[in-house]
Protein backbone atom coordinates (compact mmCIF):
# COMPACT_ATOMS: atom_id res chain seq x y z
CA MET A 1 79.11 254.08 96.89
CA ILE A 2 78.90 250.49 95.59
CA GLY A 3 82.14 250.93 93.69
CA ALA A 4 83.87 252.24 96.81
CA GLY A 5 82.63 249.24 98.79
CA VAL A 6 83.89 246.78 96.18
CA ALA A 7 87.25 248.56 96.08
CA LYS A 8 87.55 248.31 99.87
CA HIS A 9 86.83 244.57 99.87
CA ALA A 10 89.25 244.06 96.97
CA ALA A 11 91.96 246.00 98.79
CA ARG A 12 91.47 243.88 101.90
CA ALA A 13 91.62 240.69 99.82
CA VAL A 14 94.88 241.80 98.20
CA PHE A 15 96.29 242.68 101.62
CA PHE A 16 95.43 239.25 103.05
CA ALA A 17 96.71 237.45 99.95
CA LEU A 18 100.05 239.28 100.02
CA SER A 19 100.35 238.72 103.76
CA SER A 20 99.69 234.98 103.59
CA TYR A 21 100.96 233.53 100.33
CA GLY A 22 104.10 232.47 102.18
CA LEU A 23 101.89 230.17 104.25
CA PHE A 24 100.52 228.68 101.04
CA TYR A 25 103.99 228.04 99.65
CA PHE A 26 105.19 226.56 102.95
CA ALA A 27 102.18 224.20 103.10
CA TYR A 28 102.64 223.04 99.50
CA LYS A 29 106.41 222.69 99.83
CA TYR A 30 106.76 221.04 103.25
CA PHE A 31 103.43 219.62 104.36
CA THR A 32 102.81 215.91 104.06
CA PRO A 33 99.39 214.38 104.81
CA ASP A 34 101.03 211.56 106.76
CA TYR A 35 101.45 213.92 109.71
CA GLY A 36 98.13 215.32 110.87
CA GLY A 37 96.35 215.41 107.52
CA THR A 38 95.65 211.79 106.60
CA ASP A 39 92.10 212.69 105.59
CA PHE A 40 93.65 213.85 102.31
CA TYR A 41 93.85 210.20 101.29
CA HIS A 42 90.07 209.98 101.78
CA TYR A 43 89.54 213.05 99.61
CA TYR A 44 91.97 212.18 96.83
CA ASN A 45 89.66 209.93 94.79
CA ILE A 46 86.73 212.24 95.53
CA TYR A 47 88.70 215.13 94.03
CA LEU A 48 89.27 213.04 90.91
CA HIS A 49 85.57 212.13 90.61
CA PRO A 50 83.34 214.88 92.07
CA TRP A 51 79.64 214.12 92.42
CA ASP A 52 80.31 210.39 92.27
CA PHE A 53 79.04 209.31 95.67
CA HIS A 54 80.77 205.97 95.29
CA ALA A 55 84.19 207.62 95.00
CA GLY A 56 84.80 207.64 98.75
CA GLU A 57 83.49 207.01 102.23
CA ALA A 58 81.00 208.98 104.25
CA PRO A 59 81.16 211.68 105.48
CA PHE A 60 84.01 212.78 103.18
CA VAL A 61 82.19 212.04 99.93
CA TYR A 62 79.39 214.47 100.79
CA ARG A 63 81.77 217.45 100.81
CA GLN A 64 81.27 218.03 97.13
CA LEU A 65 81.50 221.81 96.88
CA ASN A 66 85.17 221.70 97.84
CA ALA A 67 85.77 218.66 95.61
CA THR A 68 84.25 220.44 92.61
CA LEU A 69 86.52 223.46 93.05
CA VAL A 70 89.65 221.33 93.49
CA ASN A 71 88.81 219.27 90.40
CA ALA A 72 88.21 222.43 88.34
CA VAL A 73 91.57 223.94 89.34
CA TRP A 74 93.31 220.63 88.63
CA LYS A 75 91.73 220.34 85.17
CA LEU A 76 92.69 223.94 84.37
CA GLY A 77 96.30 222.85 84.78
CA LEU A 78 97.16 225.44 87.43
CA TYR A 79 100.27 223.81 88.82
CA ARG A 80 103.78 224.79 89.81
CA PRO A 81 106.15 221.79 89.56
CA GLU A 82 108.34 221.74 92.63
CA HIS A 83 110.34 219.29 94.68
CA ILE A 84 108.02 218.87 97.69
CA SER A 85 107.92 216.76 100.83
CA PHE A 86 104.78 214.90 99.78
CA SER A 87 105.74 212.27 97.26
CA ALA A 88 103.57 209.22 97.98
CA PRO A 89 103.55 206.74 95.06
CA GLY A 90 100.31 206.80 93.06
CA TYR A 91 99.30 210.31 94.11
CA ASP A 92 99.44 213.15 91.59
CA PRO A 93 101.30 216.15 93.08
CA SER A 94 99.36 218.51 90.79
CA LEU A 95 96.11 217.44 92.48
CA PHE A 96 97.69 218.04 95.88
CA PHE A 97 98.72 221.51 94.65
CA ALA A 98 95.15 222.20 93.50
CA ALA A 99 93.74 221.14 96.87
CA VAL A 100 96.11 223.36 98.84
CA LEU A 101 95.55 226.27 96.43
CA VAL A 102 91.75 226.07 96.71
CA ASN A 103 91.98 226.02 100.49
CA TRP A 104 94.35 229.00 100.54
CA VAL A 105 92.15 231.07 98.22
CA ALA A 106 89.14 230.15 100.37
CA LEU A 107 91.07 231.19 103.49
CA VAL A 108 91.89 234.59 101.94
CA ALA A 109 88.23 235.01 100.98
CA CYS A 110 87.26 233.97 104.51
CA ALA A 111 89.55 236.60 106.04
CA THR A 112 88.13 239.25 103.70
CA THR A 113 84.59 238.31 104.70
CA VAL A 114 85.46 238.30 108.40
CA ALA A 115 86.89 241.80 107.96
CA ALA A 116 83.53 242.90 106.54
CA ALA A 117 81.69 241.26 109.43
CA THR A 118 84.01 242.95 111.94
CA ALA A 119 83.31 246.31 110.27
CA GLU A 120 79.58 245.68 110.75
CA LEU A 121 80.02 244.77 114.41
CA ALA A 122 82.39 247.69 115.15
CA ARG A 123 81.14 250.42 112.86
CA GLU A 124 83.06 253.35 114.34
CA SER A 125 86.40 251.58 114.63
CA GLY A 126 87.92 252.70 111.32
CA GLU A 127 89.75 250.27 109.04
CA SER A 128 92.26 248.91 111.53
CA TRP A 129 89.96 246.59 113.47
CA PRO A 130 88.40 244.95 110.38
CA LEU A 131 91.93 244.13 109.25
CA VAL A 132 92.66 242.71 112.70
CA GLY A 133 89.51 240.57 112.49
CA GLY A 134 90.44 239.19 109.10
CA GLY A 135 94.07 238.73 110.13
CA LEU A 136 93.07 236.69 113.18
CA VAL A 137 91.73 234.02 110.82
CA PHE A 138 95.30 233.19 109.81
CA PHE A 139 96.32 232.99 113.48
CA GLY A 140 93.70 230.37 114.28
CA PHE A 141 95.46 227.19 115.38
CA PHE A 142 94.04 225.07 112.56
CA ALA A 143 94.61 227.59 109.76
CA GLN A 144 97.94 225.97 108.90
CA GLN A 145 97.41 222.42 110.15
CA GLY A 146 93.79 221.97 109.08
CA VAL A 147 93.01 224.41 106.27
CA LEU A 148 96.25 224.56 104.29
CA ALA A 149 96.40 220.78 104.22
CA GLY A 150 94.39 220.01 101.10
CA LEU A 151 91.24 219.01 102.97
CA SER A 152 87.80 220.69 102.98
CA GLU A 153 88.16 223.17 105.85
CA GLY A 154 88.92 226.24 103.74
CA VAL A 155 85.61 226.30 101.90
CA SER A 156 83.78 225.39 105.12
CA TRP A 157 85.36 228.32 106.97
CA LEU A 158 84.41 230.59 104.08
CA LEU A 159 80.75 229.52 104.29
CA ILE A 160 80.77 230.16 108.04
CA ALA A 161 82.27 233.62 107.42
CA VAL A 162 79.65 234.48 104.80
CA GLY A 163 76.97 233.24 107.18
CA ILE A 164 78.13 235.41 110.07
CA LEU A 165 78.33 238.41 107.74
CA GLY A 166 74.75 237.69 106.70
CA TRP A 167 73.79 237.47 110.37
CA THR A 168 75.34 240.87 111.16
CA LYS A 169 73.25 242.35 108.35
CA ARG A 170 70.19 240.30 109.40
CA SER A 171 70.03 238.88 105.87
CA PHE A 172 68.07 235.65 105.86
CA ALA A 173 68.71 235.24 102.13
CA VAL A 174 72.49 235.06 102.69
CA LEU A 175 72.11 232.58 105.53
CA ALA A 176 69.69 230.46 103.52
CA LEU A 177 72.22 230.32 100.66
CA VAL A 178 75.00 229.28 103.06
CA LEU A 179 72.82 226.61 104.63
CA GLY A 180 71.79 225.31 101.21
CA LEU A 181 75.42 224.97 100.11
CA SER A 182 76.33 223.35 103.43
CA ILE A 183 74.34 220.26 102.48
CA VAL A 184 77.08 219.37 100.00
CA GLN A 185 80.00 220.85 101.93
CA ARG A 186 79.97 220.36 105.70
CA GLU A 187 77.39 218.80 107.98
CA THR A 188 78.45 220.88 110.98
CA ILE A 189 77.48 224.22 109.39
CA PRO A 190 73.72 223.80 109.98
CA ILE A 191 74.51 222.75 113.55
CA VAL A 192 76.54 225.94 114.04
CA PHE A 193 73.85 228.31 112.83
CA GLY A 194 71.07 226.26 114.40
CA ALA A 195 72.69 226.41 117.84
CA PHE A 196 73.68 230.06 117.40
CA SER A 197 70.18 231.14 116.36
CA ALA A 198 68.57 229.10 119.16
CA ALA A 199 70.78 230.83 121.73
CA MET A 200 70.05 234.25 120.23
CA LEU A 201 66.35 233.42 120.28
CA LEU A 202 66.54 232.98 124.05
CA MET A 203 68.63 236.09 124.67
CA ARG A 204 67.12 238.45 122.08
CA PRO A 205 63.41 237.60 121.84
CA GLY A 206 62.79 240.97 120.18
CA GLU A 207 64.21 239.49 116.96
CA ARG A 208 62.27 236.26 117.30
CA ARG A 209 61.10 236.14 113.68
CA PHE A 210 64.61 236.34 112.19
CA HIS A 211 66.19 233.84 114.57
CA LEU A 212 63.28 231.41 114.24
CA ALA A 213 63.67 231.54 110.46
CA VAL A 214 67.41 230.81 110.70
CA LEU A 215 66.78 227.98 113.16
CA ALA A 216 64.13 226.46 110.87
CA ALA A 217 66.41 226.75 107.83
CA SER A 218 69.26 225.12 109.78
CA LEU A 219 67.07 222.19 110.79
CA ALA A 220 65.86 221.81 107.21
CA ALA A 221 69.43 221.85 105.84
CA PHE A 222 70.56 219.20 108.31
CA ALA A 223 67.50 217.05 107.55
CA LEU A 224 68.30 217.25 103.83
CA TYR A 225 71.90 216.24 104.54
CA VAL A 226 70.70 213.21 106.50
CA ALA A 227 68.31 212.31 103.66
CA LEU A 228 71.14 212.62 101.15
CA ARG A 229 73.37 210.38 103.24
CA LEU A 230 70.80 207.75 104.16
CA LYS A 231 68.35 207.67 101.25
CA TRP A 232 69.30 209.56 98.10
CA ALA A 233 73.02 208.80 97.79
CA PRO A 234 74.06 206.40 100.56
CA ALA A 235 77.77 205.67 100.95
CA SER A 236 79.57 203.32 103.30
CA GLY A 237 81.57 204.55 106.25
CA TYR A 238 80.91 205.87 109.76
CA ALA A 239 77.24 204.88 109.70
CA GLU A 240 77.20 205.05 113.51
CA GLN A 241 77.42 208.85 113.31
CA LEU A 242 73.73 208.99 112.44
CA GLU A 243 72.59 206.26 114.86
CA PRO A 244 70.94 207.66 118.03
CA GLY A 245 71.96 204.61 120.05
CA SER A 246 75.62 205.06 119.16
CA PHE A 247 75.40 208.78 119.92
CA ILE A 248 74.05 208.13 123.42
CA ARG A 249 76.57 205.35 124.04
CA LEU A 250 79.54 207.54 123.11
CA LEU A 251 78.21 210.41 125.22
CA GLY A 252 78.20 208.00 128.16
CA LYS A 253 81.89 207.34 127.54
CA TRP A 254 82.87 210.99 127.91
CA ARG A 255 85.59 209.99 130.38
CA ARG A 256 87.69 208.87 127.42
CA LEU A 257 88.45 212.56 126.94
CA ALA A 258 90.35 212.70 130.23
CA SER A 259 93.90 212.51 128.92
CA ALA A 260 96.68 215.03 128.45
CA ASP A 261 96.63 214.50 124.68
CA ASN A 262 92.90 215.17 124.45
CA LEU A 263 93.23 218.21 126.71
CA PHE A 264 95.67 219.71 124.24
CA GLN A 265 93.80 218.65 121.10
CA ILE A 266 90.42 219.91 122.32
CA VAL A 267 91.18 222.87 124.59
CA PHE A 268 94.56 224.41 123.87
CA THR A 269 94.05 224.36 120.11
CA GLN A 270 91.19 226.85 120.52
CA ASN A 271 93.46 229.89 120.83
CA LEU A 272 90.98 232.44 119.46
CA LEU A 273 88.20 231.09 121.66
CA ILE A 274 90.47 231.37 124.70
CA GLY A 275 91.29 234.93 123.66
CA LEU A 276 87.62 235.77 123.30
CA GLY A 277 86.95 234.36 126.75
CA LEU A 278 89.67 236.55 128.24
CA VAL A 279 88.37 239.64 126.45
CA SER A 280 84.83 238.83 127.58
CA GLY A 281 86.00 238.59 131.19
CA TRP A 282 87.92 241.86 130.84
CA ALA A 283 84.82 243.55 129.43
CA ARG A 284 82.76 242.48 132.42
CA LEU A 285 85.40 243.72 134.84
CA VAL A 286 85.33 247.21 133.32
CA GLY A 287 81.55 247.29 133.13
CA LYS A 288 81.26 246.91 129.35
CA PRO A 289 80.04 243.32 128.84
CA LEU A 290 80.13 242.08 125.29
CA GLY A 291 76.87 241.50 123.41
CA ALA A 292 74.63 238.46 123.35
CA SER A 293 76.39 237.16 120.26
CA THR A 294 79.45 236.24 122.34
CA ALA A 295 77.33 234.23 124.76
CA ALA A 296 75.59 232.61 121.78
CA LEU A 297 78.97 231.59 120.40
CA PHE A 298 79.94 229.87 123.65
CA ALA A 299 76.59 228.05 123.60
CA THR A 300 77.42 226.94 120.05
CA VAL A 301 80.82 225.68 121.21
CA LEU A 302 79.06 223.54 123.82
CA ALA A 303 76.63 222.17 121.23
CA LEU A 304 79.45 221.28 118.82
CA ALA A 305 81.45 219.66 121.62
CA VAL A 306 78.48 217.46 122.51
CA VAL A 307 78.10 216.50 118.85
CA GLY A 308 81.80 215.67 118.69
CA VAL A 309 81.73 213.51 121.82
CA GLY A 310 78.67 211.64 120.55
CA THR A 311 79.84 211.01 116.98
CA LEU A 312 83.62 210.61 117.04
CA ILE A 313 85.38 207.45 118.12
CA GLN A 314 88.65 209.40 117.96
CA SER A 315 87.77 212.10 120.45
CA HIS A 316 90.90 214.17 119.78
CA ASN A 317 89.28 215.29 116.50
CA ILE A 318 86.79 217.37 118.50
CA GLY A 319 89.30 220.22 118.32
CA ARG A 320 89.04 220.22 114.52
CA ILE A 321 85.24 220.27 114.73
CA LEU A 322 85.35 223.33 117.00
CA ALA A 323 87.81 225.00 114.63
CA VAL A 324 84.99 225.63 112.14
CA LEU A 325 83.97 228.47 114.48
CA THR A 326 87.26 230.32 113.84
CA PRO A 327 85.70 232.98 111.52
CA ILE A 328 83.02 233.86 114.09
CA GLU A 329 85.57 233.93 116.90
CA ALA A 330 87.86 236.22 114.89
CA ALA A 331 85.07 238.73 114.15
CA LEU A 332 83.80 238.79 117.73
CA LEU A 333 87.29 238.98 119.22
CA ALA A 334 88.31 241.92 117.02
CA SER A 335 85.04 243.79 117.57
CA GLY A 336 85.26 243.12 121.32
CA LEU A 337 88.75 244.57 121.44
CA ALA A 338 87.56 247.53 119.39
CA ALA A 339 84.89 248.23 122.02
CA LEU A 340 87.43 248.09 124.86
CA LEU A 341 90.50 249.74 123.39
CA PRO A 342 90.59 253.40 122.34
CA HIS A 343 90.47 254.46 118.73
CA PRO A 344 93.99 255.52 117.65
CA SER A 345 92.82 259.12 117.40
CA ARG A 346 91.13 259.18 120.80
CA PRO A 347 92.64 258.88 124.32
CA PHE A 348 91.25 256.45 126.89
CA HIS A 349 89.33 259.11 128.81
CA ALA A 350 87.43 260.06 125.64
CA ILE A 351 85.85 256.61 125.30
CA ARG A 352 82.22 256.56 126.32
CA PRO A 353 79.61 253.80 125.95
CA PRO A 354 77.18 254.69 123.13
CA ALA A 355 73.81 256.03 124.20
CA MET A 356 71.06 253.46 123.85
CA GLY A 357 69.13 255.75 121.58
CA SER A 358 71.97 256.04 119.11
CA GLU A 359 72.63 253.85 116.11
CA GLY A 360 75.74 252.42 117.81
CA GLY A 361 73.79 251.75 121.00
CA GLU A 362 71.04 249.95 119.17
CA ARG A 363 73.59 247.81 117.31
CA ALA A 364 75.39 247.00 120.59
CA ALA A 365 72.09 246.03 122.19
CA ARG A 366 71.06 243.62 119.47
CA THR A 367 74.46 241.94 119.06
């Protein structure tokens, strides 16, 4: 049974790798950080010197998990010499290759994990819908522009995917591991699972113990990140992000978002979230509303948007902050479609909501 499970995950990973390695080659060949990926210049020295908290500015220098992987690949000499668009003087193209490669491998692993999470959420859907869930990760707006750009998004999306898989299995150990790693990877990950668990706590009080534990672990992880940034390994840069006065002041200037450019950057880049909203509305119209997890996700979107407005001078980057939710959106969108559309072997009239006493009904009720 274990061997069969491993083989299934491996087969999915191979499928996603074969389906997407063209995206990896395109990003390495034609992408240049000067257009939409200038954060690479912040990461470059950090990639050369991982775990040196003086190698770059905050918050970039605290994303050490990604930096460690990129440095390891670079030192292994995994590099394909190629005439590429990115040719800035003083920047090693082999390090750029390592950064894009790590993010692509992480994206494939993320898609594989999302497929597993989709299978947990839609247990009787066969293999097609898990593949749809994993495939949707590559269709997220920022998969090409944000992940396959040599930054830190790939590993962050992977941690989010592992976390949501742990949540579907109600595994606190998995979530605790993700939250622990998030301290040295991405500060928004504890916010995601903290907001998600808080919303679930309100909507599913029957699982109070589990959601309280996840909420407490999320708060602890974020507190440790703040301690790392302010006390244990302080680095210069964007200090106002952790100042309550600055947070409140920027929230009061929310009108700066009212521009056509910001509307596109924040709203229209969230293609999977828009899709999930449409599917959720469709489900209500046909009398099959999606589970509490979908509502919890929208609450998490609101929480992340507030954090973005209160911490970012450049408000158009809020879209990239929200993009970290892509793995959760993909799993919920695929499982939502699986609940509404007929199984390939069954006609529409054969679809019936699961009885509340059944295993499927109980799973639908708690998610």
